[in-house]
Protein backbone atom coordinates (compact mmCIF):
# COMPACT_ATOMS: atom_id res chain seq x y z
CA MET A 1 -23.16 -81.89 123.39
CA SER A 2 -20.78 -84.38 122.50
CA LEU A 3 -17.50 -83.41 121.29
CA SER A 4 -15.47 -85.07 118.69
CA PRO A 5 -12.48 -86.97 119.79
CA THR A 6 -9.29 -85.01 119.82
CA LEU A 7 -6.39 -85.65 117.05
CA LEU A 8 -3.91 -83.46 119.25
CA LYS A 9 -1.54 -86.17 120.88
CA LEU A 10 1.12 -84.59 123.15
CA ASP A 11 4.51 -86.86 122.43
CA GLU A 12 8.23 -86.29 121.58
CA ARG A 13 8.19 -84.63 118.82
CA PRO A 14 7.83 -80.39 118.80
CA ILE A 15 4.62 -78.69 118.48
CA LEU A 16 4.08 -76.40 115.20
CA LEU A 17 1.47 -74.14 115.12
CA ALA A 18 1.25 -72.88 111.53
CA GLY A 19 -1.42 -71.67 108.69
CA PRO A 20 -2.24 -68.49 107.47
CA CYS A 21 -3.23 -65.56 109.94
CA ALA A 22 -6.84 -65.42 108.80
CA ILE A 23 -9.48 -67.60 106.73
CA GLU A 24 -9.61 -66.25 103.04
CA GLY A 25 -12.48 -68.15 101.89
CA PRO A 26 -12.34 -72.01 100.30
CA GLN A 27 -8.62 -71.21 99.28
CA THR A 28 -7.54 -71.87 102.23
CA ILE A 29 -7.95 -75.40 102.22
CA ASP A 30 -5.76 -75.45 99.67
CA ILE A 31 -2.95 -73.42 101.31
CA ALA A 32 -3.61 -76.46 104.17
CA HIS A 33 -2.66 -78.89 101.33
CA GLN A 34 0.61 -76.73 100.28
CA ILE A 35 1.69 -76.51 103.82
CA ALA A 36 1.37 -80.05 104.59
CA ASP A 37 3.51 -80.77 101.41
CA GLU A 38 6.27 -78.38 102.21
CA ILE A 39 6.30 -79.64 106.09
CA GLY A 40 4.98 -83.18 106.46
CA ASP A 41 8.37 -85.15 106.57
CA LEU A 42 9.99 -82.36 109.14
CA GLY A 43 9.11 -84.31 112.20
CA PHE A 44 6.42 -81.98 114.10
CA ASN A 45 3.20 -82.35 115.87
CA TRP A 46 1.56 -79.94 112.81
CA VAL A 47 -1.79 -78.38 114.07
CA PHE A 48 -3.15 -75.96 111.50
CA LYS A 49 -4.04 -72.59 112.37
CA ALA A 50 -6.23 -69.99 110.70
CA SER A 51 -8.59 -67.39 112.33
CA PHE A 52 -12.29 -66.94 111.49
CA ASP A 53 -12.23 -63.78 112.77
CA LYS A 54 -9.75 -60.61 113.13
CA ALA A 55 -11.25 -58.69 116.40
CA ASN A 56 -7.99 -57.39 117.26
CA ARG A 57 -7.48 -55.33 113.93
CA THR A 58 -5.78 -51.91 114.23
CA SER A 59 -8.31 -49.91 112.15
CA SER A 60 -12.41 -50.27 112.50
CA ASP A 61 -12.31 -50.40 108.55
CA ALA A 62 -10.13 -53.37 108.32
CA ASP A 63 -11.26 -57.08 106.78
CA ARG A 64 -12.17 -58.89 109.63
CA GLY A 65 -12.20 -62.46 108.06
CA VAL A 66 -15.07 -64.81 106.97
CA GLY A 67 -17.27 -65.07 110.04
CA LEU A 68 -17.59 -67.82 112.47
CA GLU A 69 -20.13 -70.06 110.84
CA GLN A 70 -18.00 -69.89 107.12
CA GLY A 71 -15.01 -70.56 109.16
CA LEU A 72 -15.81 -73.37 110.97
CA ASP A 73 -16.87 -75.19 107.67
CA ILE A 74 -13.81 -74.61 106.21
CA LEU A 75 -11.99 -75.81 109.18
CA ALA A 76 -13.73 -78.96 109.61
CA GLU A 77 -13.11 -79.79 106.06
CA ILE A 78 -9.46 -79.23 106.60
CA ARG A 79 -9.31 -81.25 109.85
CA GLU A 80 -11.38 -84.04 107.71
CA LYS A 81 -9.00 -84.28 104.77
CA LEU A 82 -5.42 -84.00 106.24
CA LYS A 83 -6.68 -85.63 109.21
CA VAL A 84 -4.65 -82.30 111.06
CA PRO A 85 -5.41 -80.90 114.76
CA ILE A 86 -7.20 -77.54 114.36
CA VAL A 87 -6.16 -74.19 116.02
CA THR A 88 -8.68 -71.10 116.03
CA ASP A 89 -9.18 -67.94 117.93
CA ILE A 90 -12.18 -67.07 120.04
CA HIS A 91 -13.23 -63.97 121.59
CA LEU A 92 -16.57 -64.30 123.17
CA PRO A 93 -17.25 -67.08 126.01
CA GLU A 94 -20.28 -67.86 123.48
CA HIS A 95 -17.83 -68.90 120.85
CA CYS A 96 -16.34 -71.65 122.87
CA GLN A 97 -18.97 -74.68 122.72
CA LYS A 98 -19.73 -73.77 118.83
CA VAL A 99 -15.60 -73.78 118.02
CA ALA A 100 -14.83 -77.02 120.28
CA LYS A 101 -17.04 -78.92 117.95
CA VAL A 102 -14.28 -78.37 114.84
CA ALA A 103 -10.89 -77.16 116.89
CA ASP A 104 -8.51 -79.17 119.04
CA VAL A 105 -7.12 -76.26 120.46
CA LEU A 106 -9.11 -72.91 121.41
CA GLN A 107 -6.91 -69.92 121.37
CA ILE A 108 -7.16 -67.12 123.77
CA PRO A 109 -5.74 -63.63 122.00
CA ALA A 110 -3.05 -62.18 123.84
CA PHE A 111 -5.17 -58.97 124.66
CA LEU A 112 -7.88 -61.50 126.19
CA CYS A 113 -5.48 -63.55 128.25
CA ARG A 114 -6.84 -62.09 131.68
CA GLN A 115 -10.43 -62.57 130.68
CA THR A 116 -11.85 -64.88 133.29
CA ASP A 117 -14.96 -65.69 131.44
CA LEU A 118 -13.66 -66.47 128.02
CA LEU A 119 -10.51 -68.60 129.92
CA THR A 120 -12.94 -70.67 132.36
CA THR A 121 -15.45 -71.49 129.43
CA ALA A 122 -12.82 -72.27 127.06
CA ALA A 123 -11.81 -74.25 129.60
CA GLU A 124 -15.02 -76.30 130.37
CA THR A 125 -15.17 -77.79 126.39
CA GLY A 126 -11.87 -80.28 127.60
CA ARG A 127 -10.36 -79.09 124.51
CA PHE A 128 -6.33 -77.74 124.77
CA VAL A 129 -6.27 -74.28 125.38
CA ASN A 130 -3.56 -72.06 124.04
CA ILE A 131 -3.09 -68.77 126.16
CA LYS A 132 -1.01 -66.19 124.33
CA LYS A 133 1.08 -64.00 126.83
CA GLY A 134 -0.48 -60.34 126.80
CA GLN A 135 1.98 -57.59 125.15
CA PHE A 136 1.69 -56.17 128.86
CA LEU A 137 2.28 -58.81 131.31
CA ALA A 138 5.58 -59.92 132.90
CA PRO A 139 5.94 -63.75 131.77
CA SER A 140 5.49 -65.00 135.52
CA ALA A 141 2.33 -63.43 135.34
CA MET A 142 0.81 -66.21 133.26
CA ARG A 143 0.60 -68.71 135.89
CA HIS A 144 -2.59 -66.99 136.87
CA ALA A 145 -4.53 -67.33 133.46
CA ALA A 146 -3.42 -70.78 133.75
CA ALA A 147 -4.81 -71.47 136.93
CA LYS A 148 -8.22 -70.15 135.82
CA VAL A 149 -8.36 -72.75 132.96
CA GLU A 150 -7.29 -75.38 135.43
CA ALA A 151 -10.14 -73.98 137.90
CA GLY A 152 -12.64 -75.02 134.99
CA ASN A 153 -10.81 -78.84 135.43
CA ASN A 154 -8.98 -78.46 132.71
CA ASP A 155 -5.38 -78.82 132.44
CA ASN A 156 -4.91 -79.19 128.50
CA ILE A 157 -2.85 -75.87 128.26
CA MET A 158 -0.41 -74.24 126.18
CA LEU A 159 1.34 -70.96 127.19
CA THR A 160 2.53 -68.91 124.25
CA GLU A 161 4.99 -66.12 124.34
CA ARG A 162 4.44 -63.64 121.72
CA GLY A 163 6.64 -60.61 122.69
CA THR A 164 6.59 -57.67 125.31
CA PHE A 165 5.79 -54.02 124.13
CA PHE A 166 8.58 -51.70 123.89
CA GLY A 167 7.75 -48.51 123.59
CA TYR A 168 5.25 -47.29 121.33
CA GLY A 169 5.82 -49.13 118.00
CA GLY A 170 7.68 -52.35 118.78
CA LEU A 171 7.90 -55.76 120.86
CA VAL A 172 10.89 -57.28 122.27
CA VAL A 173 11.17 -61.08 123.31
CA ASP A 174 13.12 -61.87 126.79
CA PHE A 175 14.08 -65.14 126.53
CA ALA A 176 15.98 -64.94 129.83
CA SER A 177 12.49 -64.70 131.45
CA MET A 178 11.78 -68.27 129.84
CA PRO A 179 11.97 -69.69 133.49
CA ASP A 180 9.57 -67.14 134.76
CA PHE A 181 7.31 -67.96 132.07
CA ARG A 182 7.30 -71.91 132.70
CA TYR A 183 4.54 -73.00 135.05
CA LYS A 184 4.30 -76.28 135.93
CA ASP A 185 4.99 -78.68 132.79
CA TYR A 186 3.22 -77.09 130.20
CA PRO A 187 4.33 -76.68 126.81
CA LEU A 188 5.85 -73.57 126.20
CA ILE A 189 4.85 -72.09 122.49
CA PHE A 190 7.38 -69.56 120.74
CA ASP A 191 5.23 -67.45 118.60
CA ALA A 192 7.91 -65.92 115.95
CA THR A 193 5.75 -64.25 113.76
CA HIS A 194 3.76 -62.20 116.02
CA SER A 195 6.74 -61.46 117.72
CA VAL A 196 8.25 -59.50 114.66
CA GLN A 197 5.25 -57.28 114.33
CA GLN A 198 5.53 -53.25 114.77
CA PRO A 199 1.60 -52.63 116.11
CA ALA A 200 0.17 -49.86 114.01
CA SER A 201 3.19 -48.92 112.55
CA GLU A 202 2.30 -47.84 109.41
CA GLY A 203 -1.08 -45.75 110.00
CA ASP A 204 -3.76 -47.74 110.23
CA ARG A 205 -2.33 -50.85 109.63
CA THR A 206 0.54 -53.38 111.91
CA GLY A 207 3.58 -53.74 110.03
CA GLY A 208 6.92 -55.96 110.69
CA ASP A 209 9.47 -57.86 109.46
CA TRP A 210 9.25 -61.65 108.66
CA GLN A 211 13.14 -62.20 108.20
CA ARG A 212 13.89 -61.47 111.22
CA ALA A 213 11.42 -64.39 112.44
CA PRO A 214 13.76 -67.20 111.69
CA ILE A 215 16.47 -65.45 114.03
CA LEU A 216 13.68 -65.62 116.99
CA LEU A 217 13.16 -69.08 116.15
CA ARG A 218 16.51 -70.38 116.59
CA ALA A 219 16.92 -68.39 120.02
CA ALA A 220 13.37 -69.82 121.12
CA ALA A 221 14.61 -73.60 120.12
CA ALA A 222 17.52 -73.15 121.68
CA ALA A 223 16.19 -71.78 124.93
CA GLY A 224 13.99 -75.28 124.99
CA TYR A 225 10.49 -74.20 123.95
CA ASN A 226 8.28 -76.89 123.29
CA GLY A 227 6.81 -75.78 120.39
CA PHE A 228 6.54 -72.88 117.54
CA PHE A 229 3.90 -70.62 116.26
CA VAL A 230 4.14 -68.95 112.74
CA GLU A 231 2.01 -67.80 110.37
CA THR A 232 2.99 -68.67 106.84
CA HIS A 233 0.97 -67.99 103.29
CA PRO A 234 2.23 -68.31 99.61
CA ARG A 235 1.64 -65.03 98.32
CA PRO A 236 1.90 -63.31 102.15
CA LEU A 237 0.96 -59.89 100.81
CA GLU A 238 -2.16 -60.72 99.39
CA SER A 239 -3.51 -61.64 102.34
CA PRO A 240 -5.88 -59.75 104.39
CA SER A 241 -4.05 -59.43 107.59
CA ASP A 242 -0.56 -59.60 108.90
CA GLY A 243 1.30 -60.03 105.26
CA GLN A 244 4.71 -58.37 106.38
CA ASN A 245 4.92 -60.71 109.25
CA MET A 246 3.73 -64.03 107.85
CA ILE A 247 6.71 -66.40 106.48
CA PRO A 248 6.43 -67.16 102.68
CA LEU A 249 5.51 -70.56 102.07
CA GLU A 250 8.51 -71.01 99.83
CA ASN A 251 10.69 -70.21 102.96
CA LEU A 252 8.95 -72.04 105.26
CA LYS A 253 10.33 -75.66 105.12
CA GLN A 254 14.18 -74.18 105.21
CA ILE A 255 13.56 -72.40 108.44
CA LEU A 256 11.71 -75.19 110.26
CA ASN A 257 14.66 -77.62 109.21
CA GLU A 258 16.99 -74.87 110.85
CA THR A 259 14.82 -74.68 114.17
CA LEU A 260 14.39 -78.17 114.37
CA GLY A 261 18.11 -78.46 114.32
CA PHE A 262 18.47 -76.32 117.15
CA TYR A 263 15.88 -78.24 118.84
CA ASN A 264 17.46 -81.31 118.97
CA LEU A 265 20.55 -79.80 119.91
CA ALA A 266 19.06 -77.77 122.83
CA LYS A 267 17.12 -81.00 124.00
CA SER A 268 20.23 -83.33 124.01
CA VAL A 269 22.19 -80.83 125.93
CA LEU A 270 19.37 -79.42 128.12
CA ARG A 271 17.47 -82.77 128.31
CA ILE A 272 13.95 -81.07 127.76
């Protein structure tokens, strides 16, 4: 199988993985255009994010999304029309080769970050692999997940922080642990919107508060993270998942502009 060339080129700009939580259908293409209009002039290395399958929902009755085939068709159209790299979640080793035909970055969900077969098969595609830190893991343990991708002769790796379980209904981010999280020179990404989740806090749904995400973004930028992950939507509460955690699209540009200010300041002081 021949892979199409990747659009993602790491450079001096901060990485931004951004998009709605789930692919909702063809309207996701319109959302991608709206995001491009909002953030196109900010100077991020933007990668569009949306998931074709929400396999880690709280309830078995929850909507999981449009599925692999329709989801990849929609992502391929976004990639072609906007000339933007694509990142999407994979959950099974058999997803990897199919998804790699469209996505520039294969994302390993936090709950699956120790799954050896998934990591090594993703590595074999040659695509970038973004490994989200398990909510149950110490930051230093993520080097083992990265090493599994390296074992597949792939060093196109990103590591993403998304909070650590704190009791039964919340997550906490320990910015002082970043030196333990950093492994070699792989980019470190901070996931702001999943870090404000309150898992299963609303019975059969996960709650949260997106208004806390800008605080964490500023802190991550000041701490020296190389990039950021945010989910956004023009009407978050109408989305099928993570509505309370996604940043409303109308607020996105201002929040990211503030984040970029802290990032540039940290870069000049810390020389990252």
